């Protein structure tokens, strides 16, 4: 799609599919070249031609939807749930879905899914028919600024998020602003 539309309050979600053939090709190259994944980020660029939507949401959040034993399940990304992984402490130290940078105002929202991509490419985990689901708002937080429920992606404040955004999709005419999955690697 050339445009992706996301609204708070009405429940609109982005359903993004990661190209499995491209991941399989990269997995072959990783093995053949002895590479090691050091980072993976999904970058969403706001389409600035929609000037009426000038106010940006402080946060977007995402989770993984995939088939397991014939049924779809919704799980938070392992980048949020692994005991030895990064922990998000809002608003000061957020790894997975950092707050929009209003000072820089570069019209980008970034999700860090390094551990998830590593689980597929280096640890051979399979997520059948997976989609990255993106919503407006943020996870519900406890009094310590940590995610309230690491099990339930529906524990969020989406219903009170009044923002609307339009993003460049993977078929955008602007090549520099297309939806991107950036994977960083080095040689072992």
Protein backbone atom coordinates (compact mmCIF):
# COMPACT_ATOMS: atom_id res chain seq x y z
CA UNK A 1 0.00 0.00 0.00
CA UNK A 2 1.25 3.51 -0.69
CA UNK A 3 -0.41 5.00 2.43
CA UNK A 4 -1.08 3.60 5.88
CA UNK A 5 -3.80 5.20 8.01
CA UNK A 6 -3.84 5.04 11.79
CA UNK A 7 -6.45 6.57 14.11
CA UNK A 8 -6.74 6.62 17.83
CA UNK A 9 -10.07 6.01 19.56
CA UNK A 10 -11.74 4.18 16.64
CA UNK A 11 -9.62 1.06 16.86
CA UNK A 12 -7.89 1.33 13.47
CA UNK A 13 -4.78 -0.85 13.40
CA UNK A 14 -1.94 -1.29 10.93
CA UNK A 15 -1.45 -4.94 9.93
CA UNK A 16 2.05 -5.21 8.50
CA UNK A 17 3.49 -8.40 7.03
CA UNK A 18 7.24 -9.02 7.13
CA UNK A 19 8.38 -10.51 3.82
CA UNK A 20 9.20 -14.12 4.76
CA UNK A 21 11.10 -14.79 1.49
CA UNK A 22 13.41 -11.86 2.21
CA UNK A 23 13.98 -13.14 5.76
CA UNK A 24 14.76 -16.64 4.44
CA UNK A 25 17.22 -15.16 1.95
CA UNK A 26 18.88 -13.14 4.70
CA UNK A 27 19.03 -16.22 6.94
CA UNK A 28 20.92 -18.09 4.20
CA UNK A 29 23.39 -15.18 3.88
CA UNK A 30 23.84 -14.98 7.66
CA UNK A 31 24.81 -18.65 7.80
CA UNK A 32 27.05 -18.52 4.71
CA UNK A 33 28.90 -15.37 5.78
CA UNK A 34 29.03 -15.95 9.54
CA UNK A 35 27.07 -12.77 10.26
CA UNK A 36 25.59 -11.71 13.60
CA UNK A 37 22.47 -9.51 13.91
CA UNK A 38 23.19 -6.38 15.96
CA UNK A 39 19.92 -4.51 15.46
CA UNK A 40 16.53 -4.47 13.74
CA UNK A 41 14.16 -1.53 13.50
CA UNK A 42 10.83 -0.89 11.81
CA UNK A 43 10.70 2.72 10.62
CA UNK A 44 7.38 4.43 9.86
CA UNK A 45 7.56 7.85 8.18
CA UNK A 46 4.65 10.27 8.55
CA UNK A 47 3.27 11.59 5.28
CA UNK A 48 3.58 15.35 5.82
CA UNK A 49 1.25 16.17 2.91
CA UNK A 50 -1.65 15.65 5.34
CA UNK A 51 -1.15 19.03 7.04
CA UNK A 52 -4.48 18.84 8.85
CA UNK A 53 -2.96 16.02 10.92
CA UNK A 54 -0.07 18.13 12.20
CA UNK A 55 -0.29 16.97 15.83
CA UNK A 56 1.70 13.78 16.38
CA UNK A 57 0.95 11.06 18.89
CA UNK A 58 3.59 10.74 21.63
CA UNK A 59 3.60 6.94 21.26
CA UNK A 60 2.68 4.12 18.94
CA UNK A 61 2.81 0.53 20.14
CA UNK A 62 2.95 -2.84 18.44
CA UNK A 63 2.65 -6.56 18.99
CA UNK A 64 3.07 -9.81 17.07
CA UNK A 65 0.07 -11.73 15.71
CA UNK A 66 0.77 -15.22 14.37
CA UNK A 67 -0.72 -18.70 14.09
CA UNK A 68 0.06 -21.28 16.73
CA UNK A 69 -1.61 -24.69 16.66
CA UNK A 70 -4.11 -23.45 14.07
CA UNK A 71 -5.24 -20.38 16.05
CA UNK A 72 -4.10 -16.77 15.89
CA UNK A 73 -2.39 -15.48 19.03
CA UNK A 74 -1.43 -11.94 19.97
CA UNK A 75 1.82 -11.60 21.92
CA UNK A 76 4.07 -8.75 22.86
CA UNK A 77 7.42 -8.86 21.10
CA UNK A 78 10.20 -10.68 22.91
CA UNK A 79 12.08 -7.35 22.92
CA UNK A 80 9.67 -6.41 25.73
CA UNK A 81 9.26 -9.71 27.54
CA UNK A 82 12.63 -11.50 27.69
CA UNK A 83 13.95 -11.53 31.25
CA UNK A 84 17.48 -10.75 30.04
CA UNK A 85 16.25 -8.25 27.45
CA UNK A 86 15.72 -4.51 27.60
CA UNK A 87 13.13 -3.16 29.99
CA UNK A 88 11.03 -0.14 29.11
CA UNK A 89 10.73 2.46 31.86
CA UNK A 90 8.47 5.28 30.69
CA UNK A 91 9.22 8.04 29.89
CA UNK A 92 12.97 8.10 30.59
CA UNK A 93 14.35 4.81 29.20
CA UNK A 94 12.31 3.30 26.41
CA UNK A 95 13.89 0.78 24.05
CA UNK A 96 11.06 -0.86 22.09
CA UNK A 97 8.82 2.13 21.23
CA UNK A 98 10.52 5.38 22.23
CA UNK A 99 8.44 8.53 22.53
CA UNK A 100 8.15 10.62 19.36
CA UNK A 101 10.99 13.18 19.30
CA UNK A 102 9.06 16.45 19.25
CA UNK A 103 12.29 18.51 19.40
CA UNK A 104 13.75 16.83 16.33
CA UNK A 105 10.31 16.45 14.67
CA UNK A 106 11.68 14.20 11.90
CA UNK A 107 8.26 12.59 11.31
CA UNK A 108 9.54 9.09 12.17
CA UNK A 109 8.26 6.46 14.56
CA UNK A 110 10.64 3.57 15.25
CA UNK A 111 10.11 0.13 16.78
CA UNK A 112 13.17 -1.84 17.85
CA UNK A 113 12.48 -5.54 17.19
CA UNK A 114 16.07 -6.78 17.36
CA UNK A 115 15.37 -9.77 19.60
CA UNK A 116 12.36 -10.80 17.54
CA UNK A 117 14.35 -10.79 14.29
CA UNK A 118 17.26 -12.59 15.99
CA UNK A 119 14.80 -15.26 17.19
CA UNK A 120 13.79 -15.90 13.56
CA UNK A 121 17.18 -15.61 11.87
CA UNK A 122 19.57 -16.95 14.52
CA UNK A 123 17.45 -19.11 16.84
CA UNK A 124 15.20 -20.66 14.12
CA UNK A 125 11.93 -19.71 15.79
CA UNK A 126 8.94 -19.91 13.43
CA UNK A 127 5.97 -17.53 13.53
CA UNK A 128 3.45 -18.86 11.04
CA UNK A 129 1.54 -16.18 9.10
CA UNK A 130 2.89 -13.41 11.35
CA UNK A 131 1.86 -9.78 11.22
CA UNK A 132 3.13 -6.76 13.09
CA UNK A 133 0.09 -5.00 14.52
CA UNK A 134 0.61 -1.28 15.18
CA UNK A 135 -1.82 0.91 17.11
CA UNK A 136 -2.03 4.48 18.28
CA UNK A 137 -1.34 5.06 21.97
CA UNK A 138 0.81 3.17 24.44
CA UNK A 139 0.80 0.20 26.76
CA UNK A 140 -0.86 0.73 30.13
CA UNK A 141 1.82 1.42 32.72
CA UNK A 142 2.08 0.69 36.42
CA UNK A 143 3.11 3.31 39.00
CA UNK A 144 6.80 2.53 38.34
CA UNK A 145 6.48 3.42 34.65
CA UNK A 146 6.74 -0.20 33.51
CA UNK A 147 4.34 -2.05 31.22
CA UNK A 148 1.37 -3.23 33.27
CA UNK A 149 0.84 -6.52 31.46
CA UNK A 150 3.59 -8.28 29.51
CA UNK A 151 1.07 -10.92 28.47
CA UNK A 152 -1.79 -8.87 27.07
CA UNK A 153 -1.17 -6.43 24.19
CA UNK A 154 -4.74 -5.18 24.62
CA UNK A 155 -3.80 -3.64 27.97
CA UNK A 156 -3.31 -0.21 26.42
CA UNK A 157 -4.60 3.36 26.33
CA UNK A 158 -5.62 3.31 22.64
CA UNK A 159 -9.23 4.23 23.40
CA UNK A 160 -8.12 7.61 24.82
CA UNK A 161 -5.66 8.49 22.05
CA UNK A 162 -7.28 11.23 19.90
CA UNK A 163 -4.56 11.43 17.24
CA UNK A 164 -4.61 10.53 13.53
CA UNK A 165 -1.61 9.84 11.34
CA UNK A 166 -0.94 8.90 7.74
CA UNK A 167 2.29 7.04 6.95
CA UNK A 168 4.16 6.23 3.77
CA UNK A 169 3.61 2.55 2.97
CA UNK A 170 5.91 0.07 1.24
CA UNK A 171 4.61 1.22 -2.19
CA UNK A 172 5.17 4.92 -1.55
CA UNK A 173 6.48 6.98 -4.47
CA UNK A 174 8.99 8.60 -2.08
CA UNK A 175 11.70 5.93 -1.83
CA UNK A 176 13.36 7.61 1.17
CA UNK A 177 10.14 7.57 3.20
CA UNK A 178 8.91 4.04 2.43
CA UNK A 179 8.03 1.72 5.28
CA UNK A 180 11.29 -0.02 6.21
CA UNK A 181 12.63 -2.92 8.19
CA UNK A 182 16.30 -2.10 8.82
CA UNK A 183 18.48 -5.02 9.88
CA UNK A 184 22.02 -4.32 11.07
CA UNK A 185 24.67 -7.03 11.19
CA UNK A 186 28.38 -7.62 11.58
CA UNK A 187 30.69 -10.55 11.02
CA UNK A 188 31.36 -12.86 13.98
